[in-house]
Amino acid sequence: MIKINQISLTQMNVDSSGDLAITEQENPRTANLSELAATEILRLMNEEDRRVAPAIGIVLADIQKAVDGIVDRLSKGGRLFYVGTGTSGRLGVLDAAECPPTFGVAPELVQAVIAGGYEACHRAVEASEDDAKAGANDLRCRGFAKEDALVGIAASGRTPYTVGAVSYARELGAFTVALTCVPGSPITNSAEISIVPVVGPEVIAGSTRLKAGSAQKMVLNMLSTASLVRLGYVSGNRMTNLQPRNAKLRERAVRIIMAETGLSEIGATEKLEAAEGDLRVALVIAKSGCELRAAKDALKASNGVVQKAIERLGPSMSKKL
């Protein structure tokens, strides 16, 4: 029997026939948690958290398949949707919300659908997760289509709302991914690709905001980051499409222009000002020698990808993004 995090799959009762899911089982390593001093609680939590990254490492091939499918849909005009309930849904909302400021993409490109609506981001609306039809209905309200990609996030893998949404999306012909911490759970049978980092029972039984939540957050980071990097929204490891909406980000934008073009700080600042504070426009102007209107038009025609906009205009500098 292959061991995962020192507990065998047999011990974890991973089947979906009614046994407790892995995420709901008690963790024998933390059985006396309530009797421990704070130092010992923290040590145990740290030890358990160390199990998350190796569990994700085991499923990297599945994450790559998911990225390939997402890139394919987005490159053809589709969108990426996350759907989930409770902690899983809130993690989807968080990752989707970070994509526009980080990659300069439209808010519609990566969207999150959470059971109970956005009120559930700051207040528990747990009953809503039991409605298997609600997930599909919420996707319909967003105009979800077969051209899109959907990642269903469910730590236990059997949340009716999320499973229903994934099933509906797959029936439409959309690309579907399941992100769960329980092998063989219902959502893995509903999705085209399943990503299942097995992190084992939680420090507090059933509290999937802990290891399962950490695993889901890390995988969502990978899905959005790798997909948008491959689509051209990053240069090297620089956020060349970031939105410089505060002082810290404006300073970062100036540094990026300097690094990408070789301009001085004064020169980079002037380009950013000439571009009305838009880093993407500043880079296109600096690298192609075009005017403001031409840079904006080229970016619009290139879906906001800086390098594609420069290629449309014909760069005046040999250095490429």
C-alpha atoms as a PDB file:
ATOM      1  CA  MET A   1       0.000   0.000   0.000  1.00  0.00           C
ATOM      2  CA  ILE A   2       1.409   3.373  -1.044  1.00  0.00           C
ATOM      3  CA  LYS A   3       1.635   5.744   1.902  1.00  0.00           C
ATOM      4  CA  ILE A   4       0.587   9.368   1.654  1.00  0.00           C
ATOM      5  CA  ASN A   5       1.661  11.582   4.535  1.00  0.00           C
ATOM      6  CA  GLN A   6       2.249   8.438   6.663  1.00  0.00           C
ATOM      7  CA  ILE A   7      -1.421   7.377   6.483  1.00  0.00           C
ATOM      8  CA  SER A   8      -2.444   4.737   3.952  1.00  0.00           C
ATOM      9  CA  LEU A   9      -5.368   5.202   1.614  1.00  0.00           C
ATOM     10  CA  THR A  10      -7.032   2.244   3.304  1.00  0.00           C
ATOM     11  CA  GLN A  11      -6.816   3.972   6.693  1.00  0.00           C
ATOM     12  CA  MET A  12      -8.243   7.134   5.150  1.00  0.00           C
ATOM     13  CA  ASN A  13     -11.399   5.438   3.801  1.00  0.00           C
ATOM     14  CA  VAL A  14     -11.150   7.283   0.509  1.00  0.00           C
ATOM     15  CA  ASP A  15     -14.163   5.713  -1.178  1.00  0.00           C
ATOM     16  CA  SER A  16     -17.387   7.674  -1.519  1.00  0.00           C
ATOM     17  CA  SER A  17     -19.711   4.929  -0.250  1.00  0.00           C
ATOM     18  CA  GLY A  18     -20.585   6.738   2.945  1.00  0.00           C
ATOM     19  CA  ASP A  19     -17.347   6.534   4.957  1.00  0.00           C
ATOM     20  CA  LEU A  20     -15.955   9.781   6.267  1.00  0.00           C
ATOM     21  CA  ALA A  21     -13.950  11.648   3.663  1.00  0.00           C
ATOM     22  CA  ILE A  22     -10.268  12.163   4.456  1.00  0.00           C
ATOM     23  CA  THR A  23     -10.951  15.816   5.137  1.00  0.00           C
ATOM     24  CA  GLU A  24     -13.536  14.924   7.799  1.00  0.00           C
ATOM     25  CA  GLN A  25     -11.533  12.318   9.694  1.00  0.00           C
ATOM     26  CA  GLU A  26      -9.772  12.889  12.995  1.00  0.00           C
ATOM     27  CA  ASN A  27      -6.022  13.317  12.866  1.00  0.00           C
ATOM     28  CA  PRO A  28      -4.324  10.952  15.345  1.00  0.00           C
ATOM     29  CA  ARG A  29      -1.306  13.249  15.518  1.00  0.00           C
ATOM     30  CA  THR A  30      -3.394  16.047  17.021  1.00  0.00           C
ATOM     31  CA  ALA A  31      -5.752  14.046  19.237  1.00  0.00           C
ATOM     32  CA  ASN A  32      -4.729  15.951  22.406  1.00  0.00           C
ATOM     33  CA  LEU A  33      -4.639  19.389  20.742  1.00  0.00           C
ATOM     34  CA  SER A  34      -6.861  21.074  23.336  1.00  0.00           C
ATOM     35  CA  GLU A  35      -4.495  20.058  26.132  1.00  0.00           C
ATOM     36  CA  LEU A  36      -1.382  21.587  24.604  1.00  0.00           C
ATOM     37  CA  ALA A  37       0.409  24.858  25.215  1.00  0.00           C
ATOM     38  CA  ALA A  38       0.401  27.396  22.397  1.00  0.00           C
ATOM     39  CA  THR A  39       3.973  26.510  21.436  1.00  0.00           C
ATOM     40  CA  GLU A  40       3.059  22.859  20.908  1.00  0.00           C
ATOM     41  CA  ILE A  41      -0.097  23.740  18.959  1.00  0.00           C
ATOM     42  CA  LEU A  42       1.958  25.902  16.635  1.00  0.00           C
ATOM     43  CA  ARG A  43       4.625  23.215  16.217  1.00  0.00           C
ATOM     44  CA  LEU A  44       1.989  20.637  15.274  1.00  0.00           C
ATOM     45  CA  MET A  45       0.335  22.993  12.818  1.00  0.00           C
ATOM     46  CA  ASN A  46       3.677  23.747  11.222  1.00  0.00           C
ATOM     47  CA  GLU A  47       4.454  20.047  10.900  1.00  0.00           C
ATOM     48  CA  GLU A  48       1.093  19.398   9.263  1.00  0.00           C
ATOM     49  CA  ASP A  49       1.495  22.331   6.890  1.00  0.00           C
ATOM     50  CA  ARG A  50       4.763  20.852   5.665  1.00  0.00           C
ATOM     51  CA  ARG A  51       2.749  18.035   4.127  1.00  0.00           C
ATOM     52  CA  VAL A  52       0.972  20.354   1.691  1.00  0.00           C
ATOM     53  CA  ALA A  53       3.677  21.182  -0.868  1.00  0.00           C
ATOM     54  CA  PRO A  54       4.819  17.544  -1.326  1.00  0.00           C
ATOM     55  CA  ALA A  55       1.191  16.505  -1.860  1.00  0.00           C
ATOM     56  CA  ILE A  56       0.902  19.110  -4.618  1.00  0.00           C
ATOM     57  CA  GLY A  57       4.183  17.942  -6.122  1.00  0.00           C
ATOM     58  CA  ILE A  58       2.645  14.518  -6.694  1.00  0.00           C
ATOM     59  CA  VAL A  59      -0.142  15.984  -8.878  1.00  0.00           C
ATOM     60  CA  LEU A  60       1.866  18.494 -10.950  1.00  0.00           C
ATOM     61  CA  ALA A  61       1.152  16.539 -14.146  1.00  0.00           C
ATOM     62  CA  ASP A  62      -2.580  16.988 -13.580  1.00  0.00           C
ATOM     63  CA  ILE A  63      -2.115  20.698 -12.859  1.00  0.00           C
ATOM     64  CA  GLN A  64      -0.219  21.020 -16.139  1.00  0.00           C
ATOM     65  CA  LYS A  65      -3.085  19.368 -18.046  1.00  0.00           C
ATOM     66  CA  ALA A  66      -5.466  21.826 -16.445  1.00  0.00           C
ATOM     67  CA  VAL A  67      -3.257  24.786 -17.433  1.00  0.00           C
ATOM     68  CA  ASP A  68      -3.084  23.525 -21.016  1.00  0.00           C
ATOM     69  CA  GLY A  69      -6.871  23.328 -21.201  1.00  0.00           C
ATOM     70  CA  ILE A  70      -7.367  26.751 -19.633  1.00  0.00           C
ATOM     71  CA  VAL A  71      -4.836  28.391 -21.965  1.00  0.00           C
ATOM     72  CA  ASP A  72      -6.530  26.797 -24.953  1.00  0.00           C
ATOM     73  CA  ARG A  73      -9.937  28.216 -23.970  1.00  0.00           C
ATOM     74  CA  LEU A  74      -8.660  31.670 -23.011  1.00  0.00           C
ATOM     75  CA  SER A  75      -6.587  31.993 -26.186  1.00  0.00           C
ATOM     76  CA  LYS A  76      -9.765  31.482 -28.193  1.00  0.00           C
ATOM     77  CA  GLY A  77     -11.763  34.126 -26.357  1.00  0.00           C
ATOM     78  CA  GLY A  78     -13.121  32.015 -23.505  1.00  0.00           C
ATOM     79  CA  ARG A  79     -13.064  32.845 -19.808  1.00  0.00           C
ATOM     80  CA  LEU A  80     -11.941  31.070 -16.642  1.00  0.00           C
ATOM     81  CA  PHE A  81     -14.488  30.513 -13.884  1.00  0.00           C
ATOM     82  CA  TYR A  82     -13.955  29.240 -10.345  1.00  0.00           C
ATOM     83  CA  VAL A  83     -16.925  27.799  -8.484  1.00  0.00           C
ATOM     84  CA  GLY A  84     -17.158  26.659  -4.878  1.00  0.00           C
ATOM     85  CA  THR A  85     -18.780  27.060  -1.485  1.00  0.00           C
ATOM     86  CA  GLY A  86     -17.512  28.198   1.915  1.00  0.00           C
ATOM     87  CA  THR A  87     -13.728  28.305   2.203  1.00  0.00           C
ATOM     88  CA  SER A  88     -13.294  26.820  -1.274  1.00  0.00           C
ATOM     89  CA  GLY A  89     -15.518  29.460  -2.823  1.00  0.00           C
ATOM     90  CA  ARG A  90     -13.775  32.272  -0.964  1.00  0.00           C
ATOM     91  CA  LEU A  91     -10.395  31.063  -2.207  1.00  0.00           C
ATOM     92  CA  GLY A  92     -11.738  31.189  -5.759  1.00  0.00           C
ATOM     93  CA  VAL A  93     -12.950  34.753  -5.201  1.00  0.00           C
ATOM     94  CA  LEU A  94      -9.522  35.728  -3.858  1.00  0.00           C
ATOM     95  CA  ASP A  95      -7.591  34.321  -6.813  1.00  0.00           C
ATOM     96  CA  ALA A  96      -9.952  35.808  -9.379  1.00  0.00           C
ATOM     97  CA  ALA A  97      -9.781  39.221  -7.695  1.00  0.00           C
ATOM     98  CA  GLU A  98      -5.973  39.231  -7.881  1.00  0.00           C
ATOM     99  CA  CYS A  99      -5.773  38.662 -11.643  1.00  0.00           C
ATOM    100  CA  PRO A 100      -6.683  42.184 -12.895  1.00  0.00           C
ATOM    101  CA  PRO A 101      -4.179  44.071 -10.694  1.00  0.00           C
ATOM    102  CA  THR A 102      -1.415  41.512 -11.260  1.00  0.00           C
ATOM    103  CA  PHE A 103      -1.825  40.778 -14.960  1.00  0.00           C
ATOM    104  CA  GLY A 104      -3.787  43.768 -16.240  1.00  0.00           C
ATOM    105  CA  VAL A 105      -6.597  41.577 -17.571  1.00  0.00           C
ATOM    106  CA  ALA A 106     -10.271  42.514 -17.604  1.00  0.00           C
ATOM    107  CA  PRO A 107     -12.229  41.469 -14.496  1.00  0.00           C
ATOM    108  CA  GLU A 108     -14.438  39.335 -16.745  1.00  0.00           C
ATOM    109  CA  LEU A 109     -11.567  37.088 -17.839  1.00  0.00           C
ATOM    110  CA  VAL A 110     -11.253  35.261 -14.507  1.00  0.00           C
ATOM    111  CA  GLN A 111     -14.467  35.124 -12.489  1.00  0.00           C
ATOM    112  CA  ALA A 112     -15.513  33.454  -9.259  1.00  0.00           C
ATOM    113  CA  VAL A 113     -18.937  32.040  -8.479  1.00  0.00           C
ATOM    114  CA  ILE A 114     -19.617  31.330  -4.804  1.00  0.00           C
ATOM    115  CA  ALA A 115     -22.688  29.733  -3.259  1.00  0.00           C
ATOM    116  CA  GLY A 116     -24.745  32.369  -1.498  1.00  0.00           C
ATOM    117  CA  GLY A 117     -23.261  35.198  -3.570  1.00  0.00           C
ATOM    118  CA  TYR A 118     -20.548  37.602  -2.497  1.00  0.00           C
ATOM    119  CA  GLU A 119     -22.148  37.974   0.937  1.00  0.00           C
ATOM    120  CA  ALA A 120     -20.661  34.524   1.562  1.00  0.00           C
ATOM    121  CA  CYS A 121     -17.179  36.059   1.297  1.00  0.00           C
ATOM    122  CA  HIS A 122     -17.505  37.560   4.768  1.00  0.00           C
ATOM    123  CA  ARG A 123     -20.368  35.602   6.312  1.00  0.00           C
ATOM    124  CA  ALA A 124     -21.037  31.862   6.390  1.00  0.00           C
ATOM    125  CA  VAL A 125     -23.948  30.844   4.145  1.00  0.00           C
ATOM    126  CA  GLU A 126     -23.418  27.111   4.506  1.00  0.00           C
ATOM    127  CA  ALA A 127     -26.932  25.868   3.660  1.00  0.00           C
ATOM    128  CA  SER A 128     -26.608  27.124   0.093  1.00  0.00           C
ATOM    129  CA  GLU A 129     -24.010  24.460  -0.686  1.00  0.00           C
ATOM    130  CA  ASP A 130     -26.606  21.646  -0.543  1.00  0.00           C
ATOM    131  CA  ASP A 131     -28.504  22.806  -3.642  1.00  0.00           C
ATOM    132  CA  ALA A 132     -27.217  20.790  -6.605  1.00  0.00           C
ATOM    133  CA  LYS A 133     -29.130  22.915  -9.146  1.00  0.00           C
ATOM    134  CA  ALA A 134     -28.018  26.275  -7.762  1.00  0.00           C
ATOM    135  CA  GLY A 135     -24.467  25.970  -9.074  1.00  0.00           C
ATOM    136  CA  ALA A 136     -25.684  25.432 -12.627  1.00  0.00           C
ATOM    137  CA  ASN A 137     -28.191  28.263 -12.278  1.00  0.00           C
ATOM    138  CA  ASP A 138     -25.514  30.649 -11.045  1.00  0.00           C
ATOM    139  CA  LEU A 139     -23.334  29.781 -14.040  1.00  0.00           C
ATOM    140  CA  ARG A 140     -26.242  30.476 -16.393  1.00  0.00           C
ATOM    141  CA  CYS A 141     -26.696  33.888 -14.790  1.00  0.00           C
ATOM    142  CA  ARG A 142     -23.055  34.682 -15.625  1.00  0.00           C
ATOM    143  CA  GLY A 143     -23.524  33.660 -19.242  1.00  0.00           C
ATOM    144  CA  PHE A 144     -21.203  30.668 -18.863  1.00  0.00           C
ATOM    145  CA  ALA A 145     -20.703  28.952 -22.245  1.00  0.00           C
ATOM    146  CA  LYS A 146     -19.015  25.968 -23.842  1.00  0.00           C
ATOM    147  CA  GLU A 147     -16.083  28.172 -24.863  1.00  0.00           C
ATOM    148  CA  ASP A 148     -15.199  28.756 -21.198  1.00  0.00           C
ATOM    149  CA  ALA A 149     -13.195  26.817 -18.601  1.00  0.00           C
ATOM    150  CA  LEU A 150     -14.437  25.941 -15.116  1.00  0.00           C
ATOM    151  CA  VAL A 151     -12.533  24.908 -11.990  1.00  0.00           C
ATOM    152  CA  GLY A 152     -14.775  23.358  -9.361  1.00  0.00           C
ATOM    153  CA  ILE A 153     -13.229  23.701  -5.888  1.00  0.00           C
ATOM    154  CA  ALA A 154     -14.424  21.361  -3.138  1.00  0.00           C
ATOM    155  CA  ALA A 155     -12.171  20.067  -0.367  1.00  0.00           C
ATOM    156  CA  SER A 156     -14.391  17.037   0.305  1.00  0.00           C
ATOM    157  CA  GLY A 157     -15.200  16.596  -3.373  1.00  0.00           C
ATOM    158  CA  ARG A 158     -18.871  15.991  -2.760  1.00  0.00           C
ATOM    159  CA  THR A 159     -20.475  19.411  -2.280  1.00  0.00           C
ATOM    160  CA  PRO A 160     -23.748  19.303  -4.287  1.00  0.00           C
ATOM    161  CA  TYR A 161     -23.577  22.947  -5.395  1.00  0.00           C
ATOM    162  CA  THR A 162     -20.090  22.550  -6.873  1.00  0.00           C
ATOM    163  CA  VAL A 163     -20.577  19.073  -8.311  1.00  0.00           C
ATOM    164  CA  GLY A 164     -23.771  20.278  -9.984  1.00  0.00           C
ATOM    165  CA  ALA A 165     -21.959  23.248 -11.519  1.00  0.00           C
ATOM    166  CA  VAL A 166     -19.143  21.076 -12.874  1.00  0.00           C
ATOM    167  CA  SER A 167     -21.583  18.535 -14.307  1.00  0.00           C
ATOM    168  CA  TYR A 168     -23.537  21.300 -16.034  1.00  0.00           C
ATOM    169  CA  ALA A 169     -20.375  22.846 -17.479  1.00  0.00           C
ATOM    170  CA  ARG A 170     -19.166  19.537 -18.846  1.00  0.00           C
ATOM    171  CA  GLU A 171     -22.532  18.815 -20.440  1.00  0.00           C
ATOM    172  CA  LEU A 172     -22.240  22.145 -22.255  1.00  0.00           C
ATOM    173  CA  GLY A 173     -18.861  21.107 -23.641  1.00  0.00           C
ATOM    174  CA  ALA A 174     -16.799  23.518 -21.541  1.00  0.00           C
ATOM    175  CA  PHE A 175     -13.393  22.517 -20.178  1.00  0.00           C
ATOM    176  CA  THR A 176     -13.812  21.324 -16.594  1.00  0.00           C
ATOM    177  CA  VAL A 177     -11.352  20.819 -13.737  1.00  0.00           C
ATOM    178  CA  ALA A 178     -11.991  19.434 -10.263  1.00  0.00           C
ATOM    179  CA  LEU A 179      -9.823  20.620  -7.369  1.00  0.00           C
ATOM    180  CA  THR A 180     -10.335  18.474  -4.285  1.00  0.00           C
ATOM    181  CA  CYS A 181      -8.387  16.725  -1.539  1.00  0.00           C
ATOM    182  CA  VAL A 182     -10.332  13.445  -1.629  1.00  0.00           C
ATOM    183  CA  PRO A 183      -9.556  10.842  -4.320  1.00  0.00           C
ATOM    184  CA  GLY A 184     -12.514   9.120  -5.928  1.00  0.00           C
ATOM    185  CA  SER A 185     -15.007  11.717  -4.710  1.00  0.00           C
ATOM    186  CA  PRO A 186     -18.055  12.656  -6.822  1.00  0.00           C
ATOM    187  CA  ILE A 187     -16.511  15.790  -8.290  1.00  0.00           C
ATOM    188  CA  THR A 188     -13.614  13.785  -9.742  1.00  0.00           C
ATOM    189  CA  ASN A 189     -16.152  11.767 -11.734  1.00  0.00           C
ATOM    190  CA  SER A 190     -17.817  14.925 -13.023  1.00  0.00           C
ATOM    191  CA  ALA A 191     -14.789  16.819 -14.324  1.00  0.00           C
ATOM    192  CA  GLU A 192     -12.566  16.241 -17.338  1.00  0.00           C
ATOM    193  CA  ILE A 193      -9.378  16.768 -15.301  1.00  0.00           C
ATOM    194  CA  SER A 194      -9.018  16.162 -11.562  1.00  0.00           C
ATOM    195  CA  ILE A 195      -6.363  17.707  -9.322  1.00  0.00           C
ATOM    196  CA  VAL A 196      -6.260  15.840  -6.007  1.00  0.00           C
ATOM    197  CA  PRO A 197      -3.506  16.769  -3.540  1.00  0.00           C
ATOM    198  CA  VAL A 198      -4.059  14.384  -0.623  1.00  0.00           C
ATOM    199  CA  VAL A 199      -3.054  16.326   2.486  1.00  0.00           C
ATOM    200  CA  GLY A 200      -4.719  14.032   5.033  1.00  0.00           C
ATOM    201  CA  PRO A 201      -6.924  14.836   8.048  1.00  0.00           C
ATOM    202  CA  GLU A 202      -6.846  18.358   9.429  1.00  0.00           C
ATOM    203  CA  VAL A 203      -5.343  19.548  12.721  1.00  0.00           C
ATOM    204  CA  ILE A 204      -8.959  20.215  13.765  1.00  0.00           C
ATOM    205  CA  ALA A 205     -11.143  17.506  12.247  1.00  0.00           C
ATOM    206  CA  GLY A 206     -13.105  18.832   9.293  1.00  0.00           C
ATOM    207  CA  SER A 207     -11.610  22.349   9.355  1.00  0.00           C
ATOM    208  CA  THR A 208     -10.649  22.437   5.692  1.00  0.00           C
ATOM    209  CA  ARG A 209      -9.595  26.081   5.843  1.00  0.00           C
ATOM    210  CA  LEU A 210      -6.301  24.607   7.118  1.00  0.00           C
ATOM    211  CA  LYS A 211      -4.268  22.129   5.041  1.00  0.00           C
ATOM    212  CA  ALA A 212      -6.918  21.569   2.384  1.00  0.00           C
ATOM    213  CA  GLY A 213      -7.403  25.329   2.060  1.00  0.00           C
ATOM    214  CA  SER A 214      -3.648  25.877   1.787  1.00  0.00           C
ATOM    215  CA  ALA A 215      -3.414  23.219  -0.919  1.00  0.00           C
ATOM    216  CA  GLN A 216      -6.297  24.744  -2.859  1.00  0.00           C
ATOM    217  CA  LYS A 217      -4.800  28.229  -2.619  1.00  0.00           C
ATOM    218  CA  MET A 218      -1.445  26.989  -3.887  1.00  0.00           C
ATOM    219  CA  VAL A 219      -3.015  25.150  -6.825  1.00  0.00           C
ATOM    220  CA  LEU A 220      -5.166  28.146  -7.769  1.00  0.00           C
ATOM    221  CA  ASN A 221      -2.006  30.285  -7.694  1.00  0.00           C
ATOM    222  CA  MET A 222      -0.449  27.848 -10.142  1.00  0.00           C
ATOM    223  CA  LEU A 223      -3.450  27.660 -12.465  1.00  0.00           C
ATOM    224  CA  SER A 224      -3.935  31.406 -12.885  1.00  0.00           C
ATOM    225  CA  THR A 225      -0.247  32.315 -12.867  1.00  0.00           C
ATOM    226  CA  ALA A 226       0.956  29.677 -15.313  1.00  0.00           C
ATOM    227  CA  SER A 227      -1.997  30.264 -17.639  1.00  0.00           C
ATOM    228  CA  LEU A 228      -1.606  34.041 -17.803  1.00  0.00           C
ATOM    229  CA  VAL A 229       2.183  33.822 -18.102  1.00  0.00           C
ATOM    230  CA  ARG A 230       1.776  31.533 -21.087  1.00  0.00           C
ATOM    231  CA  LEU A 231      -0.740  33.923 -22.601  1.00  0.00           C
ATOM    232  CA  GLY A 232       1.872  36.707 -22.511  1.00  0.00           C
ATOM    233  CA  TYR A 233       0.876  38.845 -19.531  1.00  0.00           C
ATOM    234  CA  VAL A 234       4.318  38.613 -17.898  1.00  0.00           C
ATOM    235  CA  SER A 235       7.791  39.423 -19.228  1.00  0.00           C
ATOM    236  CA  GLY A 236      10.466  37.215 -17.695  1.00  0.00           C
ATOM    237  CA  ASN A 237       9.338  37.386 -14.095  1.00  0.00           C
ATOM    238  CA  ARG A 238       8.128  40.981 -14.288  1.00  0.00           C
ATOM    239  CA  MET A 239       4.489  42.063 -13.970  1.00  0.00           C
ATOM    240  CA  THR A 240       4.580  44.125 -17.153  1.00  0.00           C
ATOM    241  CA  ASN A 241       0.783  44.368 -17.200  1.00  0.00           C
ATOM    242  CA  LEU A 242       0.253  45.436 -13.586  1.00  0.00           C
ATOM    243  CA  GLN A 243      -2.078  48.335 -12.819  1.00  0.00           C
ATOM    244  CA  PRO A 244      -0.036  51.049 -10.976  1.00  0.00           C
ATOM    245  CA  ARG A 245      -2.868  52.468  -8.893  1.00  0.00           C
ATOM    246  CA  ASN A 246      -0.911  53.498  -5.803  1.00  0.00           C
ATOM    247  CA  ALA A 247       2.506  54.926  -4.971  1.00  0.00           C
ATOM    248  CA  LYS A 248       4.164  51.535  -4.395  1.00  0.00           C
ATOM    249  CA  LEU A 249       2.905  50.169  -7.704  1.00  0.00           C
ATOM    250  CA  ARG A 250       3.868  53.309  -9.595  1.00  0.00           C
ATOM    251  CA  GLU A 251       7.408  52.946  -8.268  1.00  0.00           C
ATOM    252  CA  ARG A 252       7.385  49.309  -9.356  1.00  0.00           C
ATOM    253  CA  ALA A 253       6.121  50.316 -12.797  1.00  0.00           C
ATOM    254  CA  VAL A 254       8.995  52.763 -13.214  1.00  0.00           C
ATOM    255  CA  ARG A 255      11.493  50.047 -12.229  1.00  0.00           C
ATOM    256  CA  ILE A 256       9.948  47.666 -14.755  1.00  0.00           C
ATOM    257  CA  ILE A 257      10.209  50.247 -17.548  1.00  0.00           C
ATOM    258  CA  MET A 258      13.842  50.850 -16.616  1.00  0.00           C
ATOM    259  CA  ALA A 259      14.627  47.121 -16.632  1.00  0.00           C
ATOM    260  CA  GLU A 260      12.781  46.444 -19.877  1.00  0.00           C
ATOM    261  CA  THR A 261      14.088  49.409 -21.872  1.00  0.00           C
ATOM    262  CA  GLY A 262      17.341  50.557 -20.268  1.00  0.00           C
ATOM    263  CA  LEU A 263      15.913  54.025 -19.650  1.00  0.00           C
ATOM    264  CA  SER A 264      16.951  56.086 -16.656  1.00  0.00           C
ATOM    265  CA  GLU A 265      14.553  56.626 -13.782  1.00  0.00           C
ATOM    266  CA  ILE A 266      13.718  60.069 -15.133  1.00  0.00           C
ATOM    267  CA  GLY A 267      13.172  58.710 -18.628  1.00  0.00           C
ATOM    268  CA  ALA A 268      11.028  55.838 -17.388  1.00  0.00           C
ATOM    269  CA  THR A 269       8.937  58.199 -15.290  1.00  0.00           C
ATOM    270  CA  GLU A 270       8.381  60.426 -18.315  1.00  0.00           C
ATOM    271  CA  LYS A 271       7.223  57.454 -20.399  1.00  0.00           C
ATOM    272  CA  LEU A 272       4.787  56.409 -17.681  1.00  0.00           C
ATOM    273  CA  GLU A 273       3.403  59.937 -17.470  1.00  0.00           C
ATOM    274  CA  ALA A 274       3.108  60.135 -21.253  1.00  0.00           C
ATOM    275  CA  ALA A 275       1.155  56.889 -21.137  1.00  0.00           C
ATOM    276  CA  GLU A 276      -1.298  58.406 -18.630  1.00  0.00           C
ATOM    277  CA  GLY A 277      -0.001  56.078 -15.926  1.00  0.00           C
ATOM    278  CA  ASP A 278      -0.628  52.861 -17.882  1.00  0.00           C
ATOM    279  CA  LEU A 279       2.457  50.623 -17.710  1.00  0.00           C
ATOM    280  CA  ARG A 280       1.407  48.572 -20.732  1.00  0.00           C
ATOM    281  CA  VAL A 281       1.041  51.682 -22.882  1.00  0.00           C
ATOM    282  CA  ALA A 282       4.350  53.068 -21.602  1.00  0.00           C
ATOM    283  CA  LEU A 283       6.192  49.907 -22.596  1.00  0.00           C
ATOM    284  CA  VAL A 284       4.634  49.867 -26.053  1.00  0.00           C
ATOM    285  CA  ILE A 285       5.528  53.526 -26.593  1.00  0.00           C
ATOM    286  CA  ALA A 286       9.085  53.029 -25.331  1.00  0.00           C
ATOM    287  CA  LYS A 287       9.731  49.914 -27.380  1.00  0.00           C
ATOM    288  CA  SER A 288       8.004  50.832 -30.628  1.00  0.00           C
ATOM    289  CA  GLY A 289       8.432  54.600 -30.685  1.00  0.00           C
ATOM    290  CA  CYS A 290       4.731  55.066 -31.437  1.00  0.00           C
ATOM    291  CA  GLU A 291       2.317  57.704 -30.167  1.00  0.00           C
ATOM    292  CA  LEU A 292      -0.181  57.293 -27.329  1.00  0.00           C
ATOM    293  CA  ARG A 293      -3.237  56.568 -29.496  1.00  0.00           C
ATOM    294  CA  ALA A 294      -1.411  53.991 -31.598  1.00  0.00           C
ATOM    295  CA  ALA A 295      -0.159  52.208 -28.476  1.00  0.00           C
ATOM    296  CA  LYS A 296      -3.660  52.024 -27.012  1.00  0.00           C
ATOM    297  CA  ASP A 297      -5.129  50.748 -30.285  1.00  0.00           C
ATOM    298  CA  ALA A 298      -2.424  48.096 -30.635  1.00  0.00           C
ATOM    299  CA  LEU A 299      -2.994  46.897 -27.071  1.00  0.00           C
ATOM    300  CA  LYS A 300      -6.743  46.695 -27.612  1.00  0.00           C
ATOM    301  CA  ALA A 301      -6.222  44.630 -30.755  1.00  0.00           C
ATOM    302  CA  SER A 302      -3.798  42.368 -28.860  1.00  0.00           C
ATOM    303  CA  ASN A 303      -6.046  41.696 -25.840  1.00  0.00           C
ATOM    304  CA  GLY A 304      -3.711  43.730 -23.648  1.00  0.00           C
ATOM    305  CA  VAL A 305      -0.607  41.611 -24.342  1.00  0.00           C
ATOM    306  CA  VAL A 306       2.319  44.023 -24.550  1.00  0.00           C
ATOM    307  CA  GLN A 307       4.599  41.958 -26.759  1.00  0.00           C
ATOM    308  CA  LYS A 308       1.873  41.270 -29.304  1.00  0.00           C
ATOM    309  CA  ALA A 309       1.061  44.978 -29.444  1.00  0.00           C
ATOM    310  CA  ILE A 310       4.713  45.794 -30.085  1.00  0.00           C
ATOM    311  CA  GLU A 311       4.896  43.176 -32.833  1.00  0.00           C
ATOM    312  CA  ARG A 312       1.865  44.732 -34.520  1.00  0.00           C
ATOM    313  CA  LEU A 313       3.579  48.121 -34.552  1.00  0.00           C
ATOM    314  CA  GLY A 314       7.094  46.938 -35.343  1.00  0.00           C
ATOM    315  CA  PRO A 315       9.567  47.497 -32.463  1.00  0.00           C
ATOM    316  CA  SER A 316      12.265  50.099 -32.898  1.00  0.00           C
ATOM    317  CA  MET A 317      14.464  48.376 -30.317  1.00  0.00           C
ATOM    318  CA  SER A 318      16.020  44.949 -30.648  1.00  0.00           C
ATOM    319  CA  LYS A 319      15.213  44.034 -27.073  1.00  0.00           C
ATOM    320  CA  LYS A 320      11.987  42.064 -26.830  1.00  0.00           C
ATOM    321  CA  LEU A 321       9.635  41.649 -23.898  1.00  0.00           C
END
